[in-house]
Amino acid sequence: MNNSDMEKIMAMLSKMDKKDLEAGIAKANAILNSKDKNAIVNEIKKKF
């Protein structure tokens, strides 16, 4: 990950409210603990 990617992530996080941030963390946690990571990632991509 380069500095540009990290800057984009930090900018996105700074615009999120607490509820959105907590939901994003919960999704990331689900992906990390899931046996079927690709299905979760594809579901998230559909929303964006």
PDB file of N, CA and C in Angstrom:
ATOM      1  N   MET A   1       0.863  -1.175   0.000  1.00  0.00           N
ATOM      2  CA  MET A   1       0.000   0.000   0.000  1.00  0.00           C
ATOM      3  C   MET A   1       0.906   1.234   0.000  1.00  0.00           C
ATOM      4  N   ASN A   2       0.636   2.127  -0.910  1.00  0.00           N
ATOM      5  CA  ASN A   2       1.464   3.335  -0.963  1.00  0.00           C
ATOM      6  C   ASN A   2       0.787   4.495  -0.231  1.00  0.00           C
ATOM      7  N   ASN A   3       1.485   5.596  -0.139  1.00  0.00           N
ATOM      8  CA  ASN A   3       0.962   6.755   0.600  1.00  0.00           C
ATOM      9  C   ASN A   3      -0.344   7.279   0.024  1.00  0.00           C
ATOM     10  N   SER A   4      -0.471   7.233  -1.301  1.00  0.00           N
ATOM     11  CA  SER A   4      -1.688   7.719  -1.950  1.00  0.00           C
ATOM     12  C   SER A   4      -2.900   6.906  -1.513  1.00  0.00           C
ATOM     13  N   ASP A   5      -2.738   5.577  -1.453  1.00  0.00           N
ATOM     14  CA  ASP A   5      -3.836   4.715  -1.016  1.00  0.00           C
ATOM     15  C   ASP A   5      -4.210   5.016   0.427  1.00  0.00           C
ATOM     16  N   MET A   6      -3.203   5.178   1.264  1.00  0.00           N
ATOM     17  CA  MET A   6      -3.459   5.455   2.676  1.00  0.00           C
ATOM     18  C   MET A   6      -4.146   6.805   2.841  1.00  0.00           C
ATOM     19  N   GLU A   7      -3.765   7.793   2.054  1.00  0.00           N
ATOM     20  CA  GLU A   7      -4.405   9.109   2.114  1.00  0.00           C
ATOM     21  C   GLU A   7      -5.877   9.013   1.727  1.00  0.00           C
ATOM     22  N   LYS A   8      -6.182   8.218   0.694  1.00  0.00           N
ATOM     23  CA  LYS A   8      -7.572   8.038   0.267  1.00  0.00           C
ATOM     24  C   LYS A   8      -8.391   7.366   1.358  1.00  0.00           C
ATOM     25  N   ILE A   9      -7.810   6.349   1.986  1.00  0.00           N
ATOM     26  CA  ILE A   9      -8.513   5.653   3.062  1.00  0.00           C
ATOM     27  C   ILE A   9      -8.771   6.596   4.229  1.00  0.00           C
ATOM     28  N   MET A  10      -7.757   7.354   4.617  1.00  0.00           N
ATOM     29  CA  MET A  10      -7.908   8.275   5.743  1.00  0.00           C
ATOM     30  C   MET A  10      -8.939   9.362   5.429  1.00  0.00           C
ATOM     31  N   ALA A  11      -8.956   9.857   4.201  1.00  0.00           N
ATOM     32  CA  ALA A  11      -9.931  10.875   3.805  1.00  0.00           C
ATOM     33  C   ALA A  11     -11.346  10.309   3.879  1.00  0.00           C
ATOM     34  N   MET A  12     -11.512   9.069   3.420  1.00  0.00           N
ATOM     35  CA  MET A  12     -12.817   8.426   3.453  1.00  0.00           C
ATOM     36  C   MET A  12     -13.268   8.220   4.902  1.00  0.00           C
ATOM     37  N   LEU A  13     -12.361   7.748   5.760  1.00  0.00           N
ATOM     38  CA  LEU A  13     -12.706   7.516   7.162  1.00  0.00           C
ATOM     39  C   LEU A  13     -13.082   8.807   7.875  1.00  0.00           C
ATOM     40  N   SER A  14     -12.402   9.893   7.541  1.00  0.00           N
ATOM     41  CA  SER A  14     -12.675  11.162   8.224  1.00  0.00           C
ATOM     42  C   SER A  14     -14.053  11.715   7.872  1.00  0.00           C
ATOM     43  N   LYS A  15     -14.611  11.299   6.730  1.00  0.00           N
ATOM     44  CA  LYS A  15     -15.929  11.776   6.312  1.00  0.00           C
ATOM     45  C   LYS A  15     -17.069  10.929   6.883  1.00  0.00           C
ATOM     46  N   MET A  16     -16.740   9.770   7.432  1.00  0.00           N
ATOM     47  CA  MET A  16     -17.770   8.869   7.949  1.00  0.00           C
ATOM     48  C   MET A  16     -18.195   9.280   9.351  1.00  0.00           C
ATOM     49  N   ASP A  17     -19.475   9.106   9.640  1.00  0.00           N
ATOM     50  CA  ASP A  17     -19.893   9.330  11.015  1.00  0.00           C
ATOM     51  C   ASP A  17     -19.659   8.042  11.811  1.00  0.00           C
ATOM     52  N   LYS A  18     -19.862   8.105  13.104  1.00  0.00           N
ATOM     53  CA  LYS A  18     -19.535   6.976  13.985  1.00  0.00           C
ATOM     54  C   LYS A  18     -20.298   5.713  13.585  1.00  0.00           C
ATOM     55  N   LYS A  19     -21.571   5.859  13.257  1.00  0.00           N
ATOM     56  CA  LYS A  19     -22.400   4.706  12.894  1.00  0.00           C
ATOM     57  C   LYS A  19     -21.852   4.022  11.629  1.00  0.00           C
ATOM     58  N   ASP A  20     -21.521   4.816  10.612  1.00  0.00           N
ATOM     59  CA  ASP A  20     -20.974   4.255   9.373  1.00  0.00           C
ATOM     60  C   ASP A  20     -19.620   3.606   9.610  1.00  0.00           C
ATOM     61  N   LEU A  21     -18.802   4.247  10.418  1.00  0.00           N
ATOM     62  CA  LEU A  21     -17.482   3.713  10.714  1.00  0.00           C
ATOM     63  C   LEU A  21     -17.587   2.377  11.443  1.00  0.00           C
ATOM     64  N   GLU A  22     -18.476   2.293  12.429  1.00  0.00           N
ATOM     65  CA  GLU A  22     -18.671   1.040  13.153  1.00  0.00           C
ATOM     66  C   GLU A  22     -19.196  -0.060  12.233  1.00  0.00           C
ATOM     67  N   ALA A  23     -20.084   0.292  11.310  1.00  0.00           N
ATOM     68  CA  ALA A  23     -20.605  -0.691  10.361  1.00  0.00           C
ATOM     69  C   ALA A  23     -19.491  -1.185   9.444  1.00  0.00           C
ATOM     70  N   GLY A  24     -18.628  -0.273   9.000  1.00  0.00           N
ATOM     71  CA  GLY A  24     -17.500  -0.651   8.148  1.00  0.00           C
ATOM     72  C   GLY A  24     -16.523  -1.565   8.866  1.00  0.00           C
ATOM     73  N   ILE A  25     -16.268  -1.270  10.126  1.00  0.00           N
ATOM     74  CA  ILE A  25     -15.373  -2.114  10.924  1.00  0.00           C
ATOM     75  C   ILE A  25     -15.991  -3.498  11.110  1.00  0.00           C
ATOM     76  N   ALA A  26     -17.294  -3.554  11.342  1.00  0.00           N
ATOM     77  CA  ALA A  26     -17.972  -4.843  11.500  1.00  0.00           C
ATOM     78  C   ALA A  26     -17.874  -5.666  10.220  1.00  0.00           C
ATOM     79  N   LYS A  27     -18.037  -5.021   9.054  1.00  0.00           N
ATOM     80  CA  LYS A  27     -17.916  -5.732   7.782  1.00  0.00           C
ATOM     81  C   LYS A  27     -16.490  -6.230   7.573  1.00  0.00           C
ATOM     82  N   ALA A  28     -15.517  -5.391   7.886  1.00  0.00           N
ATOM     83  CA  ALA A  28     -14.119  -5.798   7.746  1.00  0.00           C
ATOM     84  C   ALA A  28     -13.813  -6.983   8.650  1.00  0.00           C
ATOM     85  N   ASN A  29     -14.338  -6.953   9.852  1.00  0.00           N
ATOM     86  CA  ASN A  29     -14.142  -8.055  10.791  1.00  0.00           C
ATOM     87  C   ASN A  29     -14.778  -9.339  10.259  1.00  0.00           C
ATOM     88  N   ALA A  30     -15.967  -9.214   9.672  1.00  0.00           N
ATOM     89  CA  ALA A  30     -16.645 -10.378   9.100  1.00  0.00           C
ATOM     90  C   ALA A  30     -15.821 -10.969   7.963  1.00  0.00           C
ATOM     91  N   ILE A  31     -15.241 -10.104   7.125  1.00  0.00           N
ATOM     92  CA  ILE A  31     -14.406 -10.583   6.015  1.00  0.00           C
ATOM     93  C   ILE A  31     -13.185 -11.316   6.550  1.00  0.00           C
ATOM     94  N   LEU A  32     -12.547 -10.742   7.548  1.00  0.00           N
ATOM     95  CA  LEU A  32     -11.340 -11.356   8.091  1.00  0.00           C
ATOM     96  C   LEU A  32     -11.630 -12.701   8.759  1.00  0.00           C
ATOM     97  N   ASN A  33     -12.813 -12.863   9.321  1.00  0.00           N
ATOM     98  CA  ASN A  33     -13.156 -14.097  10.026  1.00  0.00           C
ATOM     99  C   ASN A  33     -13.945 -15.086   9.175  1.00  0.00           C
ATOM    100  N   SER A  34     -14.251 -14.728   7.946  1.00  0.00           N
ATOM    101  CA  SER A  34     -15.077 -15.560   7.088  1.00  0.00           C
ATOM    102  C   SER A  34     -14.245 -16.583   6.322  1.00  0.00           C
ATOM    103  N   LYS A  35     -14.868 -17.731   6.092  1.00  0.00           N
ATOM    104  CA  LYS A  35     -14.230 -18.738   5.249  1.00  0.00           C
ATOM    105  C   LYS A  35     -14.461 -18.413   3.779  1.00  0.00           C
ATOM    106  N   ASP A  36     -15.510 -17.643   3.481  1.00  0.00           N
ATOM    107  CA  ASP A  36     -15.845 -17.298   2.102  1.00  0.00           C
ATOM    108  C   ASP A  36     -15.686 -15.793   1.894  1.00  0.00           C
ATOM    109  N   LYS A  37     -14.448 -15.345   1.943  1.00  0.00           N
ATOM    110  CA  LYS A  37     -14.151 -13.911   1.829  1.00  0.00           C
ATOM    111  C   LYS A  37     -14.631 -13.325   0.509  1.00  0.00           C
ATOM    112  N   ASN A  38     -14.477 -14.057  -0.578  1.00  0.00           N
ATOM    113  CA  ASN A  38     -14.849 -13.528  -1.896  1.00  0.00           C
ATOM    114  C   ASN A  38     -16.330 -13.189  -1.991  1.00  0.00           C
ATOM    115  N   ALA A  39     -17.185 -13.978  -1.375  1.00  0.00           N
ATOM    116  CA  ALA A  39     -18.625 -13.703  -1.413  1.00  0.00           C
ATOM    117  C   ALA A  39     -18.933 -12.388  -0.707  1.00  0.00           C
ATOM    118  N   ILE A  40     -18.307 -12.154   0.432  1.00  0.00           N
ATOM    119  CA  ILE A  40     -18.549 -10.914   1.177  1.00  0.00           C
ATOM    120  C   ILE A  40     -17.999  -9.723   0.408  1.00  0.00           C
ATOM    121  N   VAL A  41     -16.803  -9.857  -0.144  1.00  0.00           N
ATOM    122  CA  VAL A  41     -16.195  -8.764  -0.906  1.00  0.00           C
ATOM    123  C   VAL A  41     -17.065  -8.419  -2.114  1.00  0.00           C
ATOM    124  N   ASN A  42     -17.565  -9.429  -2.803  1.00  0.00           N
ATOM    125  CA  ASN A  42     -18.432  -9.183  -3.965  1.00  0.00           C
ATOM    126  C   ASN A  42     -19.728  -8.492  -3.556  1.00  0.00           C
ATOM    127  N   GLU A  43     -20.286  -8.862  -2.401  1.00  0.00           N
ATOM    128  CA  GLU A  43     -21.502  -8.208  -1.910  1.00  0.00           C
ATOM    129  C   GLU A  43     -21.256  -6.735  -1.628  1.00  0.00           C
ATOM    130  N   ILE A  44     -20.115  -6.431  -1.026  1.00  0.00           N
ATOM    131  CA  ILE A  44     -19.774  -5.036  -0.723  1.00  0.00           C
ATOM    132  C   ILE A  44     -19.563  -4.250  -2.004  1.00  0.00           C
ATOM    133  N   LYS A  45     -18.909  -4.846  -3.000  1.00  0.00           N
ATOM    134  CA  LYS A  45     -18.653  -4.160  -4.269  1.00  0.00           C
ATOM    135  C   LYS A  45     -19.959  -3.810  -4.981  1.00  0.00           C
ATOM    136  N   LYS A  46     -20.981  -4.643  -4.830  1.00  0.00           N
ATOM    137  CA  LYS A  46     -22.272  -4.368  -5.465  1.00  0.00           C
ATOM    138  C   LYS A  46     -22.889  -3.084  -4.942  1.00  0.00           C
ATOM    139  N   LYS A  47     -22.632  -2.771  -3.659  1.00  0.00           N
ATOM    140  CA  LYS A  47     -23.222  -1.589  -3.037  1.00  0.00           C
ATOM    141  C   LYS A  47     -22.518  -0.309  -3.458  1.00  0.00           C
ATOM    142  N   PHE A  48     -21.318  -0.419  -3.996  1.00  0.00           N
ATOM    143  CA  PHE A  48     -20.558   0.758  -4.382  1.00  0.00           C
ATOM    144  C   PHE A  48     -20.404   0.744  -5.834  1.00  0.00           C
TER     145      PHE A  48
END
